[in-house]
N, C-alpha and C. Protein backbone atom coordinates (compact mmCIF):
# COMPACT_ATOMS: atom_id res chain seq x y z
N MET A 1 -33.44 66.61 22.34
CA MET A 1 -34.56 66.38 21.46
C MET A 1 -34.77 64.97 21.19
N ILE A 2 -35.77 64.00 21.53
CA ILE A 2 -35.68 62.55 21.06
C ILE A 2 -37.32 62.59 20.54
N TRP A 3 -36.84 61.65 19.47
CA TRP A 3 -38.15 61.73 18.36
C TRP A 3 -38.44 60.03 17.91
N PHE A 4 -40.02 59.78 18.56
CA PHE A 4 -40.02 58.46 18.20
C PHE A 4 -40.70 58.59 17.02
N ILE A 5 -40.64 57.48 16.29
CA ILE A 5 -40.78 57.34 15.21
C ILE A 5 -41.37 55.40 14.68
N ARG A 6 -42.31 55.46 14.22
CA ARG A 6 -42.64 53.84 14.08
C ARG A 6 -42.57 53.74 12.82
N TYR A 7 -41.48 53.03 12.29
CA TYR A 7 -41.41 52.77 11.00
C TYR A 7 -41.78 50.94 10.84
N ASP A 8 -43.12 51.10 9.48
CA ASP A 8 -43.82 49.80 9.65
C ASP A 8 -43.39 49.36 8.39
N PRO A 9 -42.69 48.14 7.90
CA PRO A 9 -42.86 47.90 6.56
C PRO A 9 -43.70 47.93 5.61
N PRO A 10 -43.59 47.97 4.48
CA PRO A 10 -44.18 48.29 3.80
C PRO A 10 -45.34 47.43 2.75
N SER A 11 -45.74 46.35 3.29
CA SER A 11 -46.40 45.35 3.60
C SER A 11 -47.71 45.66 4.57
N HIS A 12 -47.21 47.05 5.76
CA HIS A 12 -48.68 46.71 6.45
C HIS A 12 -48.65 48.42 6.18
N SER A 13 -49.78 48.99 6.41
CA SER A 13 -50.63 50.14 5.42
C SER A 13 -51.17 50.97 6.94
N ARG A 14 -50.15 50.77 7.94
CA ARG A 14 -50.41 51.87 9.11
C ARG A 14 -49.24 53.06 9.03
N TYR A 15 -49.02 53.71 9.91
CA TYR A 15 -47.83 54.85 9.38
C TYR A 15 -46.90 54.58 8.66
N THR A 16 -45.98 54.79 8.18
CA THR A 16 -44.68 54.64 7.56
C THR A 16 -44.11 55.74 7.21
N THR A 17 -42.79 55.82 8.10
CA THR A 17 -41.90 56.66 7.26
C THR A 17 -40.89 56.09 6.97
N HIS A 18 -40.29 56.29 5.67
CA HIS A 18 -39.12 55.95 5.16
C HIS A 18 -37.78 56.50 6.05
N PRO A 19 -37.12 55.43 5.75
CA PRO A 19 -36.02 55.31 6.37
C PRO A 19 -35.04 56.32 6.49
N HIS A 20 -35.09 57.04 5.12
CA HIS A 20 -34.16 58.19 4.39
C HIS A 20 -34.56 59.02 5.24
N ALA A 21 -36.24 59.55 5.57
CA ALA A 21 -36.89 60.83 6.62
C ALA A 21 -36.32 60.18 7.77
N VAL A 22 -36.02 59.47 8.52
CA VAL A 22 -35.77 59.15 9.87
C VAL A 22 -33.86 59.61 9.82
N TYR A 23 -33.60 59.40 9.07
CA TYR A 23 -31.55 59.74 8.91
C TYR A 23 -31.77 61.17 8.43
N GLU A 24 -32.65 61.67 8.38
CA GLU A 24 -32.37 63.60 7.57
C GLU A 24 -32.87 64.17 8.33
N LEU A 25 -33.37 63.21 9.84
CA LEU A 25 -34.23 64.09 11.11
C LEU A 25 -32.76 64.33 12.18
N LEU A 26 -31.64 63.34 12.29
CA LEU A 26 -30.84 63.41 12.96
C LEU A 26 -29.75 64.43 12.62
N ASN A 27 -29.17 64.67 13.64
CA ASN A 27 -28.18 65.58 13.10
C ASN A 27 -26.66 64.93 13.51
N SER A 28 -25.68 65.04 12.39
CA SER A 28 -24.57 64.66 12.09
C SER A 28 -24.03 64.34 13.74
N GLY A 29 -23.64 63.02 13.45
CA GLY A 29 -23.02 62.54 14.88
C GLY A 29 -24.12 61.86 15.50
N GLY A 30 -25.57 61.82 15.74
CA GLY A 30 -26.87 61.75 16.41
C GLY A 30 -27.04 60.36 16.10
N HIS A 31 -27.74 59.61 17.03
CA HIS A 31 -27.95 58.62 16.80
C HIS A 31 -29.35 57.69 16.77
N LEU A 32 -29.90 56.39 16.75
CA LEU A 32 -31.11 56.08 16.31
C LEU A 32 -31.03 54.81 16.63
N CYS A 33 -31.75 54.63 17.90
CA CYS A 33 -32.50 53.87 18.63
C CYS A 33 -33.81 52.84 17.93
N VAL A 34 -33.54 51.86 17.97
CA VAL A 34 -35.18 51.13 17.38
C VAL A 34 -34.93 49.38 18.23
N ALA A 35 -35.90 49.22 19.14
CA ALA A 35 -36.13 48.60 19.87
C ALA A 35 -37.37 47.86 19.25
N ASP A 36 -37.30 46.09 18.99
CA ASP A 36 -38.52 45.61 18.14
C ASP A 36 -38.33 44.22 18.61
N LEU A 37 -38.93 43.71 18.07
CA LEU A 37 -38.90 42.09 17.78
C LEU A 37 -38.18 41.49 16.60
N ASP A 38 -37.08 40.66 17.17
CA ASP A 38 -36.56 39.69 16.34
C ASP A 38 -37.40 38.66 15.72
N LYS A 39 -36.90 38.36 14.72
CA LYS A 39 -38.15 37.97 13.42
C LYS A 39 -38.42 36.67 13.99
N GLU A 40 -40.29 36.04 13.75
CA GLU A 40 -40.38 35.07 14.62
C GLU A 40 -41.67 34.67 13.48
N ASP A 41 -42.40 33.81 14.14
CA ASP A 41 -43.23 32.79 13.11
C ASP A 41 -44.53 33.83 13.11
N GLY A 42 -44.78 34.67 13.74
CA GLY A 42 -46.14 34.89 14.14
C GLY A 42 -46.86 35.13 15.64
N SER A 43 -46.37 33.82 15.95
CA SER A 43 -47.08 33.25 17.19
C SER A 43 -46.71 34.78 18.33
N PHE A 44 -46.39 35.19 18.50
CA PHE A 44 -45.86 36.07 19.22
C PHE A 44 -47.33 36.93 19.76
N HIS A 45 -48.68 37.55 18.60
CA HIS A 45 -49.69 37.68 18.42
C HIS A 45 -51.06 36.86 19.19
N GLY A 46 -50.34 35.46 19.10
CA GLY A 46 -51.75 34.51 19.52
C GLY A 46 -51.74 33.74 18.18
N HIS A 47 -52.46 32.35 18.51
CA HIS A 47 -52.77 31.22 17.46
C HIS A 47 -53.42 32.06 16.11
N ASP A 48 -54.48 32.82 16.26
CA ASP A 48 -55.58 33.41 16.05
C ASP A 48 -55.24 34.53 15.35
N ALA A 49 -54.43 35.71 15.77
CA ALA A 49 -53.79 36.41 15.14
C ALA A 49 -53.78 36.38 13.07
N GLU A 50 -53.89 37.50 12.48
CA GLU A 50 -53.97 37.48 11.37
C GLU A 50 -53.45 38.41 10.67
N ASP A 51 -52.27 38.78 9.77
CA ASP A 51 -52.07 40.14 9.28
C ASP A 51 -51.13 40.86 10.43
N VAL A 52 -49.90 40.30 10.88
CA VAL A 52 -49.02 41.01 11.96
C VAL A 52 -47.65 40.93 11.78
N HIS A 53 -47.03 41.73 12.24
CA HIS A 53 -46.07 42.06 12.24
C HIS A 53 -44.94 40.89 12.91
N LYS A 54 -44.40 40.47 12.33
CA LYS A 54 -43.62 39.58 13.17
C LYS A 54 -42.39 39.44 13.11
N GLY A 55 -41.77 40.50 13.65
CA GLY A 55 -40.81 41.24 13.97
C GLY A 55 -39.79 41.34 13.07
N PHE A 56 -38.38 41.69 13.21
CA PHE A 56 -37.14 42.39 12.50
C PHE A 56 -35.88 41.68 12.28
N ASP A 57 -35.47 40.95 10.86
CA ASP A 57 -34.47 40.32 10.43
C ASP A 57 -33.49 41.33 10.61
N GLN A 58 -32.91 40.61 12.51
CA GLN A 58 -31.22 41.97 11.82
C GLN A 58 -30.31 42.19 11.22
N LYS A 59 -30.06 41.28 10.35
CA LYS A 59 -29.38 40.99 9.58
C LYS A 59 -29.68 42.63 8.42
N LYS A 60 -31.11 42.40 8.09
CA LYS A 60 -32.05 43.11 6.79
C LYS A 60 -32.17 44.62 7.26
N LEU A 61 -32.35 45.01 9.02
CA LEU A 61 -32.70 46.01 9.19
C LEU A 61 -30.90 46.63 9.31
N ALA A 62 -30.03 45.87 10.06
CA ALA A 62 -28.75 46.65 9.16
C ALA A 62 -28.33 47.01 7.83
N GLY A 63 -28.74 46.12 7.19
CA GLY A 63 -28.75 47.08 5.66
C GLY A 63 -29.22 47.75 5.31
N VAL A 64 -30.76 48.34 6.08
CA VAL A 64 -31.52 49.15 5.49
C VAL A 64 -30.54 50.35 6.28
N ALA A 65 -29.84 50.13 7.14
CA ALA A 65 -29.67 51.14 8.19
C ALA A 65 -28.28 51.59 7.25
N GLU A 66 -27.54 50.25 7.11
CA GLU A 66 -26.21 50.99 6.14
C GLU A 66 -26.36 52.08 5.24
N LYS A 67 -27.35 50.90 4.02
CA LYS A 67 -27.82 51.73 2.80
C LYS A 67 -28.14 53.29 2.65
N GLN A 68 -28.68 53.84 4.19
CA GLN A 68 -29.03 55.40 4.51
C GLN A 68 -27.85 56.27 4.92
N GLY A 69 -26.62 55.41 5.24
CA GLY A 69 -25.48 55.86 5.95
C GLY A 69 -24.82 55.95 7.22
N PHE A 70 -26.33 55.28 7.75
CA PHE A 70 -25.81 55.10 9.18
C PHE A 70 -24.77 53.91 9.34
N ILE A 71 -24.02 54.32 10.58
CA ILE A 71 -22.63 53.51 10.64
C ILE A 71 -22.29 53.44 12.18
N ASN A 72 -21.41 52.48 12.81
CA ASN A 72 -21.74 51.93 13.96
C ASN A 72 -22.75 51.57 14.66
N ILE A 73 -23.89 50.51 13.32
CA ILE A 73 -24.60 49.64 13.89
C ILE A 73 -24.22 48.60 14.84
N SER A 74 -25.27 48.61 15.63
CA SER A 74 -24.95 47.35 16.46
C SER A 74 -26.35 47.31 17.16
N PHE A 75 -26.18 45.30 17.71
CA PHE A 75 -27.50 45.29 18.20
C PHE A 75 -27.16 44.20 19.78
N SER A 76 -28.39 44.19 20.12
CA SER A 76 -28.12 43.60 21.69
C SER A 76 -29.42 43.41 21.72
N THR A 77 -29.69 42.17 22.74
CA THR A 77 -31.02 41.60 23.52
C THR A 77 -31.49 42.74 24.47
N ALA A 78 -32.36 43.49 24.37
CA ALA A 78 -32.78 44.21 25.52
C ALA A 78 -33.55 43.51 26.53
N TYR A 79 -34.59 42.60 26.08
CA TYR A 79 -35.47 42.19 26.50
C TYR A 79 -36.03 40.62 26.33
N LYS A 80 -36.11 39.87 26.80
CA LYS A 80 -36.81 38.63 26.45
C LYS A 80 -38.25 38.49 27.09
N MET A 81 -39.46 38.67 26.23
CA MET A 81 -40.85 38.53 26.41
C MET A 81 -41.60 37.11 26.53
N GLU A 82 -42.05 36.70 27.79
CA GLU A 82 -42.94 35.84 28.01
C GLU A 82 -44.28 35.81 27.31
N ARG A 83 -44.52 34.74 26.63
CA ARG A 83 -45.92 34.98 26.10
C ARG A 83 -46.72 33.89 25.97
N GLU A 84 -47.77 33.36 26.06
CA GLU A 84 -49.09 32.54 25.62
C GLU A 84 -48.69 32.18 24.69
N VAL A 85 -48.91 31.29 23.91
CA VAL A 85 -49.34 31.04 22.42
C VAL A 85 -50.09 30.11 21.82
N ASN A 86 -50.66 29.69 22.92
CA ASN A 86 -51.64 28.86 22.19
C ASN A 86 -52.81 28.86 23.55
N GLU A 87 -53.65 27.95 23.37
CA GLU A 87 -55.02 27.87 24.02
C GLU A 87 -54.68 27.13 25.28
N SER A 88 -53.33 26.08 24.99
CA SER A 88 -53.11 25.07 26.48
C SER A 88 -52.21 25.97 26.67
N ASP A 89 -52.19 27.25 27.13
CA ASP A 89 -51.31 28.35 28.24
C ASP A 89 -49.55 28.08 27.56
N GLU A 90 -49.36 26.96 27.07
CA GLU A 90 -47.88 27.36 26.49
C GLU A 90 -47.52 28.59 25.97
N THR A 91 -46.24 28.57 26.68
CA THR A 91 -45.60 30.28 26.20
C THR A 91 -44.15 29.82 25.95
N LYS A 92 -43.92 30.78 25.69
CA LYS A 92 -42.47 31.19 25.05
C LYS A 92 -41.51 32.50 25.31
N LEU A 93 -40.56 32.23 24.57
CA LEU A 93 -39.50 33.90 25.47
C LEU A 93 -39.71 34.55 23.50
N PHE A 94 -40.38 35.66 23.35
CA PHE A 94 -39.41 36.15 22.62
C PHE A 94 -38.37 37.28 22.67
N PRO A 95 -37.15 37.19 21.85
CA PRO A 95 -36.49 38.24 22.13
C PRO A 95 -36.31 39.92 21.62
N ILE A 96 -36.27 40.62 22.07
CA ILE A 96 -36.54 42.06 22.06
C ILE A 96 -35.26 42.63 21.93
N PHE A 97 -34.74 43.26 20.25
CA PHE A 97 -33.45 43.31 20.23
C PHE A 97 -33.39 44.91 20.37
N LEU A 98 -32.42 45.82 20.56
CA LEU A 98 -32.36 46.86 20.49
C LEU A 98 -30.77 47.24 19.47
N MET A 99 -31.31 48.38 18.65
CA MET A 99 -30.46 48.63 17.50
C MET A 99 -29.91 49.99 17.53
N VAL A 100 -28.76 50.16 18.07
CA VAL A 100 -27.99 51.57 17.99
C VAL A 100 -27.41 51.91 16.96
N ALA A 101 -27.69 52.64 15.94
CA ALA A 101 -26.90 53.12 14.61
C ALA A 101 -26.95 54.75 14.52
N GLN A 102 -26.04 55.38 14.43
CA GLN A 102 -25.05 56.41 14.49
C GLN A 102 -24.88 57.44 12.91
N LYS A 103 -25.42 58.50 12.59
CA LYS A 103 -25.10 59.48 11.34
C LYS A 103 -23.70 59.55 11.64
N GLU A 104 -23.75 59.55 10.22
CA GLU A 104 -22.28 60.29 10.07
C GLU A 104 -22.43 61.37 10.08
């Protein structure tokens, strides 16, 4: 069975699932896979967007996962998305990371 769970940091009021709940859903030896933006300045969402998700700091996310009991935490760049970042059609590459962690 595959679970897709969206975790938003507490600063966002959308659907929130506490990381401990994610850990409890997995069987021992199960894996959690997370793909999201690397930490960025908000330009991914365009020059006029407000109150947007600005990606995750990989070290902080690994710390949260480790604190919950995950082991074998690894990161890789899964994709680089090119997006327009201003009205001048200027583009920028935004890395999308893949984190894989295992429940003990």
